[in-house]
Amino acid sequence: MHIKIVSNEKQIRLIESLANEIWYEHYIPIIGVDQVEYMLEKFQSFKAISQQIKDGSLYFLCEHENEPIGYMCVNIRDKELFLNKFYVKATQRSKGFGRQMIDFLEALSETKDLSIISLTVNINNNDSIKAYEALGFVKCGTVIQYIGNGFFMDDHMMEKKL
């Protein structure tokens, strides 16, 4: 697998396309189509991703055999790497790519002298919670956040100490 930083319009468009594919497949049963569409526009559109990158978020495109298979986004906060987005296409799950992506983030954290990788995950996203636990993350709290348009994110907070 090859992981590269997202730095141009073509890559941002590719992330936007991956987000649409992954979110429609994975999240409709969890949060419904209306919230999926709202969140894609608010957080995963070309405009939103471009602004996040301008504001300091680091997006990474993950490829296998020159095909995009997923992406991730991180933010650095004090001694913590916050894993803001972590997505793998359905056809590529359970093949070890998630582990390779976390290994990459652990190495990145080490270069920045960070001691924790943290994330939030929907409390009903059971498959992802199990995957994060298998990757060494533990639940450390919950958070409910209003995101607009009548929608809330109801999440577990998870972290992995390095």
C-alpha atoms as a PDB file:
ATOM      1  CA  MET A   1       0.000   0.000   0.000  1.00  0.00           C
ATOM      2  CA  HIS A   2       1.144   3.531  -0.746  1.00  0.00           C
ATOM      3  CA  ILE A   3       0.095   6.525   1.384  1.00  0.00           C
ATOM      4  CA  LYS A   4       0.578  10.057   0.129  1.00  0.00           C
ATOM      5  CA  ILE A   5      -0.366  13.469   1.401  1.00  0.00           C
ATOM      6  CA  VAL A   6      -3.216  15.163  -0.441  1.00  0.00           C
ATOM      7  CA  SER A   7      -1.944  18.412  -1.906  1.00  0.00           C
ATOM      8  CA  ASN A   8      -3.758  19.240  -5.145  1.00  0.00           C
ATOM      9  CA  GLU A   9      -7.225  19.676  -6.640  1.00  0.00           C
ATOM     10  CA  LYS A  10      -7.232  16.302  -8.426  1.00  0.00           C
ATOM     11  CA  GLN A  11      -6.459  14.472  -5.162  1.00  0.00           C
ATOM     12  CA  ILE A  12      -9.121  16.448  -3.277  1.00  0.00           C
ATOM     13  CA  ARG A  13     -11.692  15.497  -5.938  1.00  0.00           C
ATOM     14  CA  LEU A  14     -10.632  11.863  -5.533  1.00  0.00           C
ATOM     15  CA  ILE A  15     -11.113  12.072  -1.748  1.00  0.00           C
ATOM     16  CA  GLU A  16     -14.562  13.611  -2.313  1.00  0.00           C
ATOM     17  CA  SER A  17     -15.463  10.721  -4.631  1.00  0.00           C
ATOM     18  CA  LEU A  18     -14.184   8.099  -2.175  1.00  0.00           C
ATOM     19  CA  ALA A  19     -16.156   9.761   0.627  1.00  0.00           C
ATOM     20  CA  ASN A  20     -19.369   9.544  -1.381  1.00  0.00           C
ATOM     21  CA  GLU A  21     -18.814   5.875  -2.232  1.00  0.00           C
ATOM     22  CA  ILE A  22     -17.867   4.855   1.312  1.00  0.00           C
ATOM     23  CA  TRP A  23     -20.433   6.957   3.159  1.00  0.00           C
ATOM     24  CA  TYR A  24     -23.416   5.880   1.041  1.00  0.00           C
ATOM     25  CA  GLU A  25     -22.418   2.224   1.437  1.00  0.00           C
ATOM     26  CA  HIS A  26     -21.507   2.262   5.116  1.00  0.00           C
ATOM     27  CA  TYR A  27     -23.385   5.010   6.962  1.00  0.00           C
ATOM     28  CA  ILE A  28     -26.960   4.997   5.632  1.00  0.00           C
ATOM     29  CA  PRO A  29     -27.906   2.009   7.846  1.00  0.00           C
ATOM     30  CA  ILE A  30     -26.339   3.784  10.850  1.00  0.00           C
ATOM     31  CA  ILE A  31     -27.464   7.423  10.518  1.00  0.00           C
ATOM     32  CA  GLY A  32     -29.831   7.524   7.528  1.00  0.00           C
ATOM     33  CA  VAL A  33     -29.589   9.050   4.071  1.00  0.00           C
ATOM     34  CA  ASP A  34     -30.524  12.611   5.100  1.00  0.00           C
ATOM     35  CA  GLN A  35     -27.709  12.881   7.640  1.00  0.00           C
ATOM     36  CA  VAL A  36     -25.244  11.171   5.260  1.00  0.00           C
ATOM     37  CA  GLU A  37     -26.000  13.728   2.550  1.00  0.00           C
ATOM     38  CA  TYR A  38     -25.771  16.619   5.011  1.00  0.00           C
ATOM     39  CA  MET A  39     -22.443  15.421   6.454  1.00  0.00           C
ATOM     40  CA  LEU A  40     -20.938  14.747   3.027  1.00  0.00           C
ATOM     41  CA  GLU A  41     -21.717  18.304   1.943  1.00  0.00           C
ATOM     42  CA  LYS A  42     -20.635  19.872   5.244  1.00  0.00           C
ATOM     43  CA  PHE A  43     -17.463  17.845   5.905  1.00  0.00           C
ATOM     44  CA  GLN A  44     -16.464  15.848   2.804  1.00  0.00           C
ATOM     45  CA  SER A  45     -17.199  18.079  -0.186  1.00  0.00           C
ATOM     46  CA  PHE A  46     -14.416  19.536  -2.319  1.00  0.00           C
ATOM     47  CA  LYS A  47     -15.014  22.939  -0.721  1.00  0.00           C
ATOM     48  CA  ALA A  48     -14.991  21.545   2.847  1.00  0.00           C
ATOM     49  CA  ILE A  49     -11.881  19.416   2.337  1.00  0.00           C
ATOM     50  CA  SER A  50     -10.032  22.313   0.675  1.00  0.00           C
ATOM     51  CA  GLN A  51     -10.841  24.561   3.629  1.00  0.00           C
ATOM     52  CA  GLN A  52      -9.812  21.900   6.155  1.00  0.00           C
ATOM     53  CA  ILE A  53      -6.438  21.550   4.437  1.00  0.00           C
ATOM     54  CA  LYS A  54      -5.999  25.356   4.448  1.00  0.00           C
ATOM     55  CA  ASP A  55      -6.784  25.275   8.182  1.00  0.00           C
ATOM     56  CA  GLY A  56      -4.045  22.719   8.878  1.00  0.00           C
ATOM     57  CA  SER A  57      -5.700  19.309   8.517  1.00  0.00           C
ATOM     58  CA  LEU A  58      -3.532  16.667   6.877  1.00  0.00           C
ATOM     59  CA  TYR A  59      -5.346  14.403   4.406  1.00  0.00           C
ATOM     60  CA  PHE A  60      -3.744  11.198   3.160  1.00  0.00           C
ATOM     61  CA  LEU A  61      -4.766   9.149   0.138  1.00  0.00           C
ATOM     62  CA  CYS A  62      -4.237   5.399   0.447  1.00  0.00           C
ATOM     63  CA  GLU A  63      -3.632   3.361  -2.703  1.00  0.00           C
ATOM     64  CA  HIS A  64      -3.022  -0.293  -3.450  1.00  0.00           C
ATOM     65  CA  GLU A  65      -1.745  -1.338  -6.878  1.00  0.00           C
ATOM     66  CA  ASN A  66      -2.271   2.256  -8.072  1.00  0.00           C
ATOM     67  CA  GLU A  67      -5.970   2.169  -7.125  1.00  0.00           C
ATOM     68  CA  PRO A  68      -7.426   4.398  -4.400  1.00  0.00           C
ATOM     69  CA  ILE A  69      -8.691   2.262  -1.509  1.00  0.00           C
ATOM     70  CA  GLY A  70      -9.240   4.796   1.255  1.00  0.00           C
ATOM     71  CA  TYR A  71      -8.182   7.963   2.969  1.00  0.00           C
ATOM     72  CA  MET A  72      -7.568   9.510   6.349  1.00  0.00           C
ATOM     73  CA  CYS A  73      -7.359  12.968   7.860  1.00  0.00           C
ATOM     74  CA  VAL A  74      -5.522  14.008  11.014  1.00  0.00           C
ATOM     75  CA  ASN A  75      -5.108  17.090  13.156  1.00  0.00           C
ATOM     76  CA  ILE A  76      -2.286  17.654  15.601  1.00  0.00           C
ATOM     77  CA  ARG A  77      -3.331  18.895  19.043  1.00  0.00           C
ATOM     78  CA  ASP A  78      -0.640  19.380  21.683  1.00  0.00           C
ATOM     79  CA  LYS A  79       0.783  15.854  22.263  1.00  0.00           C
ATOM     80  CA  GLU A  80      -2.070  14.147  20.419  1.00  0.00           C
ATOM     81  CA  LEU A  81      -2.789  13.112  16.857  1.00  0.00           C
ATOM     82  CA  PHE A  82      -6.552  13.347  16.341  1.00  0.00           C
ATOM     83  CA  LEU A  83      -7.691  10.905  13.669  1.00  0.00           C
ATOM     84  CA  ASN A  84     -10.505  12.924  12.178  1.00  0.00           C
ATOM     85  CA  LYS A  85     -11.313  10.644   9.225  1.00  0.00           C
ATOM     86  CA  PHE A  86     -10.357   7.020   8.573  1.00  0.00           C
ATOM     87  CA  TYR A  87     -12.079   5.264   5.691  1.00  0.00           C
ATOM     88  CA  VAL A  88     -11.432   2.152   3.609  1.00  0.00           C
ATOM     89  CA  LYS A  89     -13.559   0.995   0.683  1.00  0.00           C
ATOM     90  CA  ALA A  90     -15.813  -1.974   1.521  1.00  0.00           C
ATOM     91  CA  THR A  91     -14.045  -4.209  -1.010  1.00  0.00           C
ATOM     92  CA  GLN A  92     -10.698  -3.565   0.669  1.00  0.00           C
ATOM     93  CA  ARG A  93     -11.630  -4.120   4.314  1.00  0.00           C
ATOM     94  CA  SER A  94     -10.219  -7.049   6.327  1.00  0.00           C
ATOM     95  CA  LYS A  95      -7.090  -7.170   4.167  1.00  0.00           C
ATOM     96  CA  GLY A  96      -4.692  -5.534   6.624  1.00  0.00           C
ATOM     97  CA  PHE A  97      -4.849  -2.055   5.101  1.00  0.00           C
ATOM     98  CA  GLY A  98      -6.317  -0.522   8.262  1.00  0.00           C
ATOM     99  CA  ARG A  99      -3.355  -1.865  10.238  1.00  0.00           C
ATOM    100  CA  GLN A 100      -0.925  -0.388   7.693  1.00  0.00           C
ATOM    101  CA  MET A 101      -2.703   2.963   7.891  1.00  0.00           C
ATOM    102  CA  ILE A 102      -2.471   2.985  11.707  1.00  0.00           C
ATOM    103  CA  ASP A 103       1.203   1.948  11.498  1.00  0.00           C
ATOM    104  CA  PHE A 104       1.766   4.954   9.217  1.00  0.00           C
ATOM    105  CA  LEU A 105       0.045   7.250  11.733  1.00  0.00           C
ATOM    106  CA  GLU A 106       2.068   5.823  14.610  1.00  0.00           C
ATOM    107  CA  ALA A 107       5.278   6.558  12.698  1.00  0.00           C
ATOM    108  CA  LEU A 108       4.028  10.072  11.904  1.00  0.00           C
ATOM    109  CA  SER A 109       3.181  10.579  15.583  1.00  0.00           C
ATOM    110  CA  GLU A 110       6.675   9.499  16.581  1.00  0.00           C
ATOM    111  CA  THR A 111       8.263  12.073  14.267  1.00  0.00           C
ATOM    112  CA  LYS A 112       6.106  14.782  15.884  1.00  0.00           C
ATOM    113  CA  ASP A 113       6.736  13.540  19.464  1.00  0.00           C
ATOM    114  CA  LEU A 114       3.044  12.764  19.994  1.00  0.00           C
ATOM    115  CA  SER A 115       1.994  10.237  22.632  1.00  0.00           C
ATOM    116  CA  ILE A 116      -1.668   9.503  21.782  1.00  0.00           C
ATOM    117  CA  ILE A 117      -3.789   8.867  18.724  1.00  0.00           C
ATOM    118  CA  SER A 118      -7.416   9.704  19.446  1.00  0.00           C
ATOM    119  CA  LEU A 119     -10.633   9.499  17.453  1.00  0.00           C
ATOM    120  CA  THR A 120     -14.399   9.541  17.677  1.00  0.00           C
ATOM    121  CA  VAL A 121     -16.686   6.888  16.216  1.00  0.00           C
ATOM    122  CA  ASN A 122     -20.487   6.683  16.061  1.00  0.00           C
ATOM    123  CA  ILE A 123     -21.782   4.629  18.994  1.00  0.00           C
ATOM    124  CA  ASN A 124     -23.763   2.417  16.581  1.00  0.00           C
ATOM    125  CA  ASN A 125     -20.865   1.815  14.180  1.00  0.00           C
ATOM    126  CA  ASN A 126     -20.140  -1.597  15.677  1.00  0.00           C
ATOM    127  CA  ASP A 127     -17.902  -2.954  12.912  1.00  0.00           C
ATOM    128  CA  SER A 128     -15.635   0.088  13.066  1.00  0.00           C
ATOM    129  CA  ILE A 129     -15.526   0.005  16.866  1.00  0.00           C
ATOM    130  CA  LYS A 130     -14.398  -3.646  16.739  1.00  0.00           C
ATOM    131  CA  ALA A 131     -11.786  -2.786  14.114  1.00  0.00           C
ATOM    132  CA  TYR A 132     -10.414   0.086  16.207  1.00  0.00           C
ATOM    133  CA  GLU A 133     -10.270  -2.139  19.278  1.00  0.00           C
ATOM    134  CA  ALA A 134      -8.354  -4.765  17.265  1.00  0.00           C
ATOM    135  CA  LEU A 135      -5.921  -1.985  16.299  1.00  0.00           C
ATOM    136  CA  GLY A 136      -5.268  -1.170  19.968  1.00  0.00           C
ATOM    137  CA  PHE A 137      -7.748   1.635  20.658  1.00  0.00           C
ATOM    138  CA  VAL A 138      -9.806   1.740  23.849  1.00  0.00           C
ATOM    139  CA  LYS A 139     -13.004   3.641  24.636  1.00  0.00           C
ATOM    140  CA  CYS A 140     -12.393   6.593  26.935  1.00  0.00           C
ATOM    141  CA  GLY A 141     -15.695   8.485  26.918  1.00  0.00           C
ATOM    142  CA  THR A 142     -18.612   9.673  24.839  1.00  0.00           C
ATOM    143  CA  VAL A 143     -19.480  12.939  23.153  1.00  0.00           C
ATOM    144  CA  ILE A 144     -22.675  14.260  21.621  1.00  0.00           C
ATOM    145  CA  GLN A 145     -22.173  17.174  19.256  1.00  0.00           C
ATOM    146  CA  TYR A 146     -24.759  19.199  17.357  1.00  0.00           C
ATOM    147  CA  ILE A 147     -23.614  19.591  13.739  1.00  0.00           C
ATOM    148  CA  GLY A 148     -26.496  21.634  12.368  1.00  0.00           C
ATOM    149  CA  ASN A 149     -29.665  21.022  10.375  1.00  0.00           C
ATOM    150  CA  GLY A 150     -31.188  19.094  13.298  1.00  0.00           C
ATOM    151  CA  PHE A 151     -28.412  16.465  13.307  1.00  0.00           C
ATOM    152  CA  PHE A 152     -26.160  15.260  16.112  1.00  0.00           C
ATOM    153  CA  MET A 153     -23.046  13.130  16.203  1.00  0.00           C
ATOM    154  CA  ASP A 154     -23.329  10.627  19.066  1.00  0.00           C
ATOM    155  CA  ASP A 155     -19.844   9.154  19.400  1.00  0.00           C
ATOM    156  CA  HIS A 156     -17.520   7.095  21.512  1.00  0.00           C
ATOM    157  CA  MET A 157     -14.141   8.718  22.112  1.00  0.00           C
ATOM    158  CA  MET A 158     -11.307   6.234  21.656  1.00  0.00           C
ATOM    159  CA  GLU A 159      -7.570   6.511  22.046  1.00  0.00           C
ATOM    160  CA  LYS A 160      -4.386   4.578  21.618  1.00  0.00           C
ATOM    161  CA  LYS A 161      -1.415   5.452  23.782  1.00  0.00           C
ATOM    162  CA  LEU A 162       1.917   5.224  21.977  1.00  0.00           C
END
